[in-house]
Amino acid sequence: MKKIYAEIGFGNDTFLSTEIEEDDNEYRMAKFMIPKKIKGIYFRFWIFKRVVILSSEKGLVFQRKDRNKLKILFGIQGTNDINN
């Protein structure tokens, strides 16, 4: 099953982008592709190595990453499989 993360904001290579995850592979496209089945929305704030995610699916999540980034994103998460 493909997981789709369509994002709008600053910090990725483009203002509008879509990340697709399938099994252990992931890749990013420089276009905004809305998932067929929406599972939730989120705001992601990544400041240096700290990430704060406010998600309709998981609530408030704090993460720590190995690399420094600055990202402020709004995203829509879902799948392209209508059955899941």
PDB file of N, CA and C in Angstrom:
ATOM      1  N   MET A   1       0.851  -1.185   0.000  1.00  0.00           N
ATOM      2  CA  MET A   1       0.000   0.000   0.000  1.00  0.00           C
ATOM      3  C   MET A   1       0.891   1.240   0.000  1.00  0.00           C
ATOM      4  N   LYS A   2       0.571   2.171  -0.859  1.00  0.00           N
ATOM      5  CA  LYS A   2       1.313   3.422  -0.935  1.00  0.00           C
ATOM      6  C   LYS A   2       0.740   4.421   0.060  1.00  0.00           C
ATOM      7  N   LYS A   3       1.628   5.018   0.850  1.00  0.00           N
ATOM      8  CA  LYS A   3       1.240   6.126   1.721  1.00  0.00           C
ATOM      9  C   LYS A   3       1.618   7.415   1.017  1.00  0.00           C
ATOM     10  N   ILE A   4       0.706   8.369   1.011  1.00  0.00           N
ATOM     11  CA  ILE A   4       0.899   9.637   0.318  1.00  0.00           C
ATOM     12  C   ILE A   4       0.894  10.771   1.344  1.00  0.00           C
ATOM     13  N   TYR A   5       1.873  11.661   1.256  1.00  0.00           N
ATOM     14  CA  TYR A   5       1.952  12.843   2.107  1.00  0.00           C
ATOM     15  C   TYR A   5       2.092  14.059   1.194  1.00  0.00           C
ATOM     16  N   ALA A   6       1.002  14.773   0.969  1.00  0.00           N
ATOM     17  CA  ALA A   6       1.018  15.981   0.143  1.00  0.00           C
ATOM     18  C   ALA A   6       1.273  17.167   1.067  1.00  0.00           C
ATOM     19  N   GLU A   7       2.311  17.961   0.772  1.00  0.00           N
ATOM     20  CA  GLU A   7       2.733  19.027   1.685  1.00  0.00           C
ATOM     21  C   GLU A   7       2.833  20.382   0.996  1.00  0.00           C
ATOM     22  N   ILE A   8       2.463  21.399   1.765  1.00  0.00           N
ATOM     23  CA  ILE A   8       2.570  22.791   1.333  1.00  0.00           C
ATOM     24  C   ILE A   8       3.386  23.512   2.392  1.00  0.00           C
ATOM     25  N   GLY A   9       4.409  24.223   1.975  1.00  0.00           N
ATOM     26  CA  GLY A   9       5.155  25.004   2.953  1.00  0.00           C
ATOM     27  C   GLY A   9       6.615  25.155   2.592  1.00  0.00           C
ATOM     28  N   PHE A  10       7.358  25.621   3.557  1.00  0.00           N
ATOM     29  CA  PHE A  10       8.772  25.928   3.381  1.00  0.00           C
ATOM     30  C   PHE A  10       9.636  24.858   4.025  1.00  0.00           C
ATOM     31  N   GLY A  11      10.723  24.511   3.367  1.00  0.00           N
ATOM     32  CA  GLY A  11      11.677  23.568   3.913  1.00  0.00           C
ATOM     33  C   GLY A  11      11.972  22.407   2.987  1.00  0.00           C
ATOM     34  N   ASN A  12      11.033  22.023   2.156  1.00  0.00           N
ATOM     35  CA  ASN A  12      11.297  21.027   1.120  1.00  0.00           C
ATOM     36  C   ASN A  12      11.909  21.744  -0.083  1.00  0.00           C
ATOM     37  N   ASP A  13      12.268  20.983  -1.098  1.00  0.00           N
ATOM     38  CA  ASP A  13      12.875  21.592  -2.282  1.00  0.00           C
ATOM     39  C   ASP A  13      11.916  22.533  -3.008  1.00  0.00           C
ATOM     40  N   THR A  14      10.616  22.224  -2.968  1.00  0.00           N
ATOM     41  CA  THR A  14       9.603  23.061  -3.612  1.00  0.00           C
ATOM     42  C   THR A  14       8.500  23.388  -2.614  1.00  0.00           C
ATOM     43  N   PHE A  15       7.756  24.465  -2.865  1.00  0.00           N
ATOM     44  CA  PHE A  15       6.683  24.890  -1.965  1.00  0.00           C
ATOM     45  C   PHE A  15       5.557  23.849  -1.916  1.00  0.00           C
ATOM     46  N   LEU A  16       5.246  23.237  -3.049  1.00  0.00           N
ATOM     47  CA  LEU A  16       4.256  22.156  -3.132  1.00  0.00           C
ATOM     48  C   LEU A  16       4.993  20.866  -3.452  1.00  0.00           C
ATOM     49  N   SER A  17       4.802  19.828  -2.647  1.00  0.00           N
ATOM     50  CA  SER A  17       5.468  18.562  -2.929  1.00  0.00           C
ATOM     51  C   SER A  17       4.648  17.401  -2.380  1.00  0.00           C
ATOM     52  N   THR A  18       4.969  16.221  -2.860  1.00  0.00           N
ATOM     53  CA  THR A  18       4.302  15.002  -2.413  1.00  0.00           C
ATOM     54  C   THR A  18       5.355  13.947  -2.149  1.00  0.00           C
ATOM     55  N   GLU A  19       5.276  13.331  -0.963  1.00  0.00           N
ATOM     56  CA  GLU A  19       6.155  12.223  -0.624  1.00  0.00           C
ATOM     57  C   GLU A  19       5.338  10.945  -0.700  1.00  0.00           C
ATOM     58  N   ILE A  20       5.892   9.931  -1.348  1.00  0.00           N
ATOM     59  CA  ILE A  20       5.224   8.641  -1.481  1.00  0.00           C
ATOM     60  C   ILE A  20       6.091   7.587  -0.802  1.00  0.00           C
ATOM     61  N   GLU A  21       5.475   6.817   0.094  1.00  0.00           N
ATOM     62  CA  GLU A  21       6.163   5.726   0.775  1.00  0.00           C
ATOM     63  C   GLU A  21       5.495   4.419   0.385  1.00  0.00           C
ATOM     64  N   GLU A  22       6.316   3.459  -0.013  1.00  0.00           N
ATOM     65  CA  GLU A  22       5.810   2.125  -0.343  1.00  0.00           C
ATOM     66  C   GLU A  22       6.836   1.112   0.134  1.00  0.00           C
ATOM     67  N   ASP A  23       6.421   0.254   1.054  1.00  0.00           N
ATOM     68  CA  ASP A  23       7.314  -0.707   1.699  1.00  0.00           C
ATOM     69  C   ASP A  23       8.475   0.061   2.336  1.00  0.00           C
ATOM     70  N   ASP A  24       9.708  -0.222   1.956  1.00  0.00           N
ATOM     71  CA  ASP A  24      10.872   0.462   2.525  1.00  0.00           C
ATOM     72  C   ASP A  24      11.384   1.585   1.638  1.00  0.00           C
ATOM     73  N   ASN A  25      10.672   1.906   0.575  1.00  0.00           N
ATOM     74  CA  ASN A  25      11.100   2.943  -0.366  1.00  0.00           C
ATOM     75  C   ASN A  25      10.276   4.206  -0.180  1.00  0.00           C
ATOM     76  N   GLU A  26      10.932   5.338  -0.344  1.00  0.00           N
ATOM     77  CA  GLU A  26      10.205   6.612  -0.338  1.00  0.00           C
ATOM     78  C   GLU A  26      10.854   7.555  -1.333  1.00  0.00           C
ATOM     79  N   TYR A  27      10.017   8.375  -1.937  1.00  0.00           N
ATOM     80  CA  TYR A  27      10.523   9.373  -2.868  1.00  0.00           C
ATOM     81  C   TYR A  27       9.607  10.585  -2.854  1.00  0.00           C
ATOM     82  N   ARG A  28      10.139  11.724  -3.289  1.00  0.00           N
ATOM     83  CA  ARG A  28       9.426  12.992  -3.264  1.00  0.00           C
ATOM     84  C   ARG A  28       9.286  13.527  -4.687  1.00  0.00           C
ATOM     85  N   MET A  29       8.092  14.033  -4.974  1.00  0.00           N
ATOM     86  CA  MET A  29       7.816  14.632  -6.283  1.00  0.00           C
ATOM     87  C   MET A  29       7.559  16.125  -6.083  1.00  0.00           C
ATOM     88  N   ALA A  30       7.911  16.914  -7.073  1.00  0.00           N
ATOM     89  CA  ALA A  30       7.742  18.368  -6.996  1.00  0.00           C
ATOM     90  C   ALA A  30       6.369  18.785  -7.505  1.00  0.00           C
ATOM     91  N   LYS A  31       5.336  18.098  -7.058  1.00  0.00           N
ATOM     92  CA  LYS A  31       3.962  18.493  -7.376  1.00  0.00           C
ATOM     93  C   LYS A  31       3.061  18.067  -6.227  1.00  0.00           C
ATOM     94  N   PHE A  32       1.894  18.647  -6.158  1.00  0.00           N
ATOM     95  CA  PHE A  32       0.942  18.396  -5.075  1.00  0.00           C
ATOM     96  C   PHE A  32      -0.089  17.390  -5.569  1.00  0.00           C
ATOM     97  N   MET A  33      -0.054  16.181  -5.008  1.00  0.00           N
ATOM     98  CA  MET A  33      -0.955  15.110  -5.413  1.00  0.00           C
ATOM     99  C   MET A  33      -1.805  14.714  -4.203  1.00  0.00           C
ATOM    100  N   ILE A  34      -3.076  15.052  -4.217  1.00  0.00           N
ATOM    101  CA  ILE A  34      -3.960  14.749  -3.096  1.00  0.00           C
ATOM    102  C   ILE A  34      -4.277  13.254  -3.096  1.00  0.00           C
ATOM    103  N   PRO A  35      -4.152  12.583  -1.942  1.00  0.00           N
ATOM    104  CA  PRO A  35      -4.462  11.149  -1.875  1.00  0.00           C
ATOM    105  C   PRO A  35      -5.939  10.879  -2.172  1.00  0.00           C
ATOM    106  N   LYS A  36      -6.212   9.696  -2.734  1.00  0.00           N
ATOM    107  CA  LYS A  36      -7.598   9.315  -3.008  1.00  0.00           C
ATOM    108  C   LYS A  36      -8.376   9.094  -1.722  1.00  0.00           C
ATOM    109  N   LYS A  37      -7.734   8.496  -0.725  1.00  0.00           N
ATOM    110  CA  LYS A  37      -8.366   8.289   0.582  1.00  0.00           C
ATOM    111  C   LYS A  37      -7.572   9.075   1.621  1.00  0.00           C
ATOM    112  N   ILE A  38      -8.156  10.123   2.153  1.00  0.00           N
ATOM    113  CA  ILE A  38      -7.483  10.983   3.135  1.00  0.00           C
ATOM    114  C   ILE A  38      -7.635  10.386   4.524  1.00  0.00           C
ATOM    115  N   LYS A  39      -6.495  10.221   5.216  1.00  0.00           N
ATOM    116  CA  LYS A  39      -6.481   9.669   6.567  1.00  0.00           C
ATOM    117  C   LYS A  39      -6.316  10.748   7.631  1.00  0.00           C
ATOM    118  N   GLY A  40      -5.810  11.920   7.246  1.00  0.00           N
ATOM    119  CA  GLY A  40      -5.627  12.974   8.227  1.00  0.00           C
ATOM    120  C   GLY A  40      -4.882  14.166   7.655  1.00  0.00           C
ATOM    121  N   ILE A  41      -4.806  15.204   8.479  1.00  0.00           N
ATOM    122  CA  ILE A  41      -4.041  16.402   8.138  1.00  0.00           C
ATOM    123  C   ILE A  41      -3.054  16.669   9.266  1.00  0.00           C
ATOM    124  N   TYR A  42      -2.018  17.431   8.962  1.00  0.00           N
ATOM    125  CA  TYR A  42      -1.009  17.698   9.984  1.00  0.00           C
ATOM    126  C   TYR A  42      -0.281  19.000   9.699  1.00  0.00           C
ATOM    127  N   PHE A  43       0.294  19.547  10.755  1.00  0.00           N
ATOM    128  CA  PHE A  43       1.241  20.646  10.689  1.00  0.00           C
ATOM    129  C   PHE A  43       2.554  20.105  11.220  1.00  0.00           C
ATOM    130  N   ARG A  44       3.647  20.377  10.510  1.00  0.00           N
ATOM    131  CA  ARG A  44       4.963  19.921  10.951  1.00  0.00           C
ATOM    132  C   ARG A  44       5.891  21.111  11.063  1.00  0.00           C
ATOM    133  N   PHE A  45       6.501  21.246  12.209  1.00  0.00           N
ATOM    134  CA  PHE A  45       7.478  22.300  12.478  1.00  0.00           C
ATOM    135  C   PHE A  45       8.794  21.609  12.807  1.00  0.00           C
ATOM    136  N   TRP A  46       9.780  21.768  11.943  1.00  0.00           N
ATOM    137  CA  TRP A  46      11.083  21.137  12.123  1.00  0.00           C
ATOM    138  C   TRP A  46      12.090  22.261  12.278  1.00  0.00           C
ATOM    139  N   ILE A  47      12.613  22.404  13.490  1.00  0.00           N
ATOM    140  CA  ILE A  47      13.581  23.455  13.784  1.00  0.00           C
ATOM    141  C   ILE A  47      14.849  22.777  14.288  1.00  0.00           C
ATOM    142  N   PHE A  48      15.887  22.840  13.468  1.00  0.00           N
ATOM    143  CA  PHE A  48      17.160  22.172  13.700  1.00  0.00           C
ATOM    144  C   PHE A  48      16.926  20.669  13.856  1.00  0.00           C
ATOM    145  N   LYS A  49      17.172  20.077  15.007  1.00  0.00           N
ATOM    146  CA  LYS A  49      17.003  18.630  15.159  1.00  0.00           C
ATOM    147  C   LYS A  49      15.707  18.251  15.853  1.00  0.00           C
ATOM    148  N   ARG A  50      14.883  19.216  16.159  1.00  0.00           N
ATOM    149  CA  ARG A  50      13.617  18.945  16.850  1.00  0.00           C
ATOM    150  C   ARG A  50      12.439  19.111  15.897  1.00  0.00           C
ATOM    151  N   VAL A  51      11.510  18.160  15.976  1.00  0.00           N
ATOM    152  CA  VAL A  51      10.330  18.163  15.114  1.00  0.00           C
ATOM    153  C   VAL A  51       9.085  18.097  16.000  1.00  0.00           C
ATOM    154  N   VAL A  52       8.150  19.000  15.734  1.00  0.00           N
ATOM    155  CA  VAL A  52       6.855  18.988  16.412  1.00  0.00           C
ATOM    156  C   VAL A  52       5.796  18.788  15.336  1.00  0.00           C
ATOM    157  N   ILE A  53       4.953  17.774  15.543  1.00  0.00           N
ATOM    158  CA  ILE A  53       3.896  17.464  14.587  1.00  0.00           C
ATOM    159  C   ILE A  53       2.562  17.534  15.314  1.00  0.00           C
ATOM    160  N   LEU A  54       1.650  18.308  14.770  1.00  0.00           N
ATOM    161  CA  LEU A  54       0.277  18.372  15.268  1.00  0.00           C
ATOM    162  C   LEU A  54      -0.590  17.704  14.213  1.00  0.00           C
ATOM    163  N   SER A  55      -1.096  16.510  14.538  1.00  0.00           N
ATOM    164  CA  SER A  55      -1.762  15.669  13.553  1.00  0.00           C
ATOM    165  C   SER A  55      -3.179  15.332  13.998  1.00  0.00           C
ATOM    166  N   SER A  56      -4.095  15.265  13.037  1.00  0.00           N
ATOM    167  CA  SER A  56      -5.466  14.853  13.357  1.00  0.00           C
ATOM    168  C   SER A  56      -5.522  13.364  13.667  1.00  0.00           C
ATOM    169  N   GLU A  57      -4.532  12.601  13.247  1.00  0.00           N
ATOM    170  CA  GLU A  57      -4.517  11.157  13.482  1.00  0.00           C
ATOM    171  C   GLU A  57      -3.798  10.785  14.782  1.00  0.00           C
ATOM    172  N   LYS A  58      -2.646  11.413  15.054  1.00  0.00           N
ATOM    173  CA  LYS A  58      -1.823  11.026  16.208  1.00  0.00           C
ATOM    174  C   LYS A  58      -1.732  12.091  17.294  1.00  0.00           C
ATOM    175  N   GLY A  59      -2.358  13.237  17.106  1.00  0.00           N
ATOM    176  CA  GLY A  59      -2.294  14.298  18.103  1.00  0.00           C
ATOM    177  C   GLY A  59      -0.975  15.053  18.046  1.00  0.00           C
ATOM    178  N   LEU A  60      -0.442  15.392  19.199  1.00  0.00           N
ATOM    179  CA  LEU A  60       0.810  16.141  19.299  1.00  0.00           C
ATOM    180  C   LEU A  60       1.972  15.168  19.460  1.00  0.00           C
ATOM    181  N   VAL A  61       2.937  15.229  18.542  1.00  0.00           N
ATOM    182  CA  VAL A  61       4.070  14.309  18.536  1.00  0.00           C
ATOM    183  C   VAL A  61       5.357  15.121  18.518  1.00  0.00           C
ATOM    184  N   PHE A  62       6.315  14.724  19.357  1.00  0.00           N
ATOM    185  CA  PHE A  62       7.642  15.331  19.388  1.00  0.00           C
ATOM    186  C   PHE A  62       8.650  14.296  18.916  1.00  0.00           C
ATOM    187  N   GLN A  63       9.541  14.706  18.006  1.00  0.00           N
ATOM    188  CA  GLN A  63      10.584  13.809  17.503  1.00  0.00           C
ATOM    189  C   GLN A  63      11.921  14.521  17.520  1.00  0.00           C
ATOM    190  N   ARG A  64      12.966  13.728  17.478  1.00  0.00           N
ATOM    191  CA  ARG A  64      14.318  14.256  17.356  1.00  0.00           C
ATOM    192  C   ARG A  64      14.953  13.580  16.145  1.00  0.00           C
ATOM    193  N   LYS A  65      15.594  14.372  15.288  1.00  0.00           N
ATOM    194  CA  LYS A  65      16.223  13.868  14.070  1.00  0.00           C
ATOM    195  C   LYS A  65      17.735  14.034  14.158  1.00  0.00           C
ATOM    196  N   ASP A  66      18.454  13.365  13.281  1.00  0.00           N
ATOM    197  CA  ASP A  66      19.919  13.436  13.261  1.00  0.00           C
ATOM    198  C   ASP A  66      20.460  14.630  12.489  1.00  0.00           C
ATOM    199  N   ARG A  67      19.633  15.218  11.625  1.00  0.00           N
ATOM    200  CA  ARG A  67      20.134  16.317  10.789  1.00  0.00           C
ATOM    201  C   ARG A  67      19.380  17.611  11.091  1.00  0.00           C
ATOM    202  N   ASN A  68      20.045  18.717  10.841  1.00  0.00           N
ATOM    203  CA  ASN A  68      19.453  20.034  11.058  1.00  0.00           C
ATOM    204  C   ASN A  68      18.634  20.455   9.840  1.00  0.00           C
ATOM    205  N   LYS A  69      17.422  20.870  10.049  1.00  0.00           N
ATOM    206  CA  LYS A  69      16.541  21.376   8.994  1.00  0.00           C
ATOM    207  C   LYS A  69      15.693  22.495   9.572  1.00  0.00           C
ATOM    208  N   LEU A  70      15.113  23.261   8.685  1.00  0.00           N
ATOM    209  CA  LEU A  70      14.111  24.246   9.066  1.00  0.00           C
ATOM    210  C   LEU A  70      12.939  24.058   8.121  1.00  0.00           C
ATOM    211  N   LYS A  71      11.816  23.545   8.647  1.00  0.00           N
ATOM    212  CA  LYS A  71      10.637  23.281   7.831  1.00  0.00           C
ATOM    213  C   LYS A  71       9.387  23.743   8.580  1.00  0.00           C
ATOM    214  N   ILE A  72       8.487  24.335   7.836  1.00  0.00           N
ATOM    215  CA  ILE A  72       7.153  24.677   8.333  1.00  0.00           C
ATOM    216  C   ILE A  72       6.182  24.217   7.259  1.00  0.00           C
ATOM    217  N   LEU A  73       5.423  23.147   7.559  1.00  0.00           N
ATOM    218  CA  LEU A  73       4.616  22.505   6.532  1.00  0.00           C
ATOM    219  C   LEU A  73       3.192  22.219   7.014  1.00  0.00           C
ATOM    220  N   PHE A  74       2.258  22.260   6.068  1.00  0.00           N
ATOM    221  CA  PHE A  74       0.906  21.743   6.250  1.00  0.00           C
ATOM    222  C   PHE A  74       0.799  20.556   5.319  1.00  0.00           C
ATOM    223  N   GLY A  75       0.262  19.440   5.817  1.00  0.00           N
ATOM    224  CA  GLY A  75       0.201  18.251   4.983  1.00  0.00           C
ATOM    225  C   GLY A  75      -1.112  17.516   5.064  1.00  0.00           C
ATOM    226  N   ILE A  76      -1.376  16.743   4.018  1.00  0.00           N
ATOM    227  CA  ILE A  76      -2.518  15.850   3.941  1.00  0.00           C
ATOM    228  C   ILE A  76      -1.956  14.450   3.760  1.00  0.00           C
ATOM    229  N   GLN A  77      -2.348  13.533   4.645  1.00  0.00           N
ATOM    230  CA  GLN A  77      -1.838  12.176   4.548  1.00  0.00           C
ATOM    231  C   GLN A  77      -2.956  11.217   4.165  1.00  0.00           C
ATOM    232  N   GLY A  78      -2.586  10.188   3.432  1.00  0.00           N
ATOM    233  CA  GLY A  78      -3.579   9.216   3.016  1.00  0.00           C
ATOM    234  C   GLY A  78      -2.955   8.143   2.138  1.00  0.00           C
ATOM    235  N   THR A  79      -3.813   7.469   1.386  1.00  0.00           N
ATOM    236  CA  THR A  79      -3.373   6.422   0.484  1.00  0.00           C
ATOM    237  C   THR A  79      -4.050   6.597  -0.860  1.00  0.00           C
ATOM    238  N   ASN A  80      -3.529   5.918  -1.847  1.00  0.00           N
ATOM    239  CA  ASN A  80      -4.190   5.905  -3.152  1.00  0.00           C
ATOM    240  C   ASN A  80      -4.982   4.628  -3.351  1.00  0.00           C
ATOM    241  N   ASP A  81      -5.042   3.787  -2.318  1.00  0.00           N
ATOM    242  CA  ASP A  81      -5.836   2.570  -2.363  1.00  0.00           C
ATOM    243  C   ASP A  81      -7.198   2.869  -1.745  1.00  0.00           C
ATOM    244  N   ILE A  82      -8.247   2.762  -2.507  1.00  0.00           N
ATOM    245  CA  ILE A  82      -9.595   3.111  -2.039  1.00  0.00           C
ATOM    246  C   ILE A  82     -10.065   2.164  -0.935  1.00  0.00           C
ATOM    247  N   ASN A  83      -9.564   0.924  -0.908  1.00  0.00           N
ATOM    248  CA  ASN A  83     -10.007  -0.072   0.073  1.00  0.00           C
ATOM    249  C   ASN A  83      -9.374   0.103   1.442  1.00  0.00           C
ATOM    250  N   ASN A  84      -8.289   0.865   1.577  1.00  0.00           N
ATOM    251  CA  ASN A  84      -7.611   1.014   2.874  1.00  0.00           C
ATOM    252  C   ASN A  84      -7.718   2.387   3.413  1.00  0.00           C
TER     253      ASN A  84
END
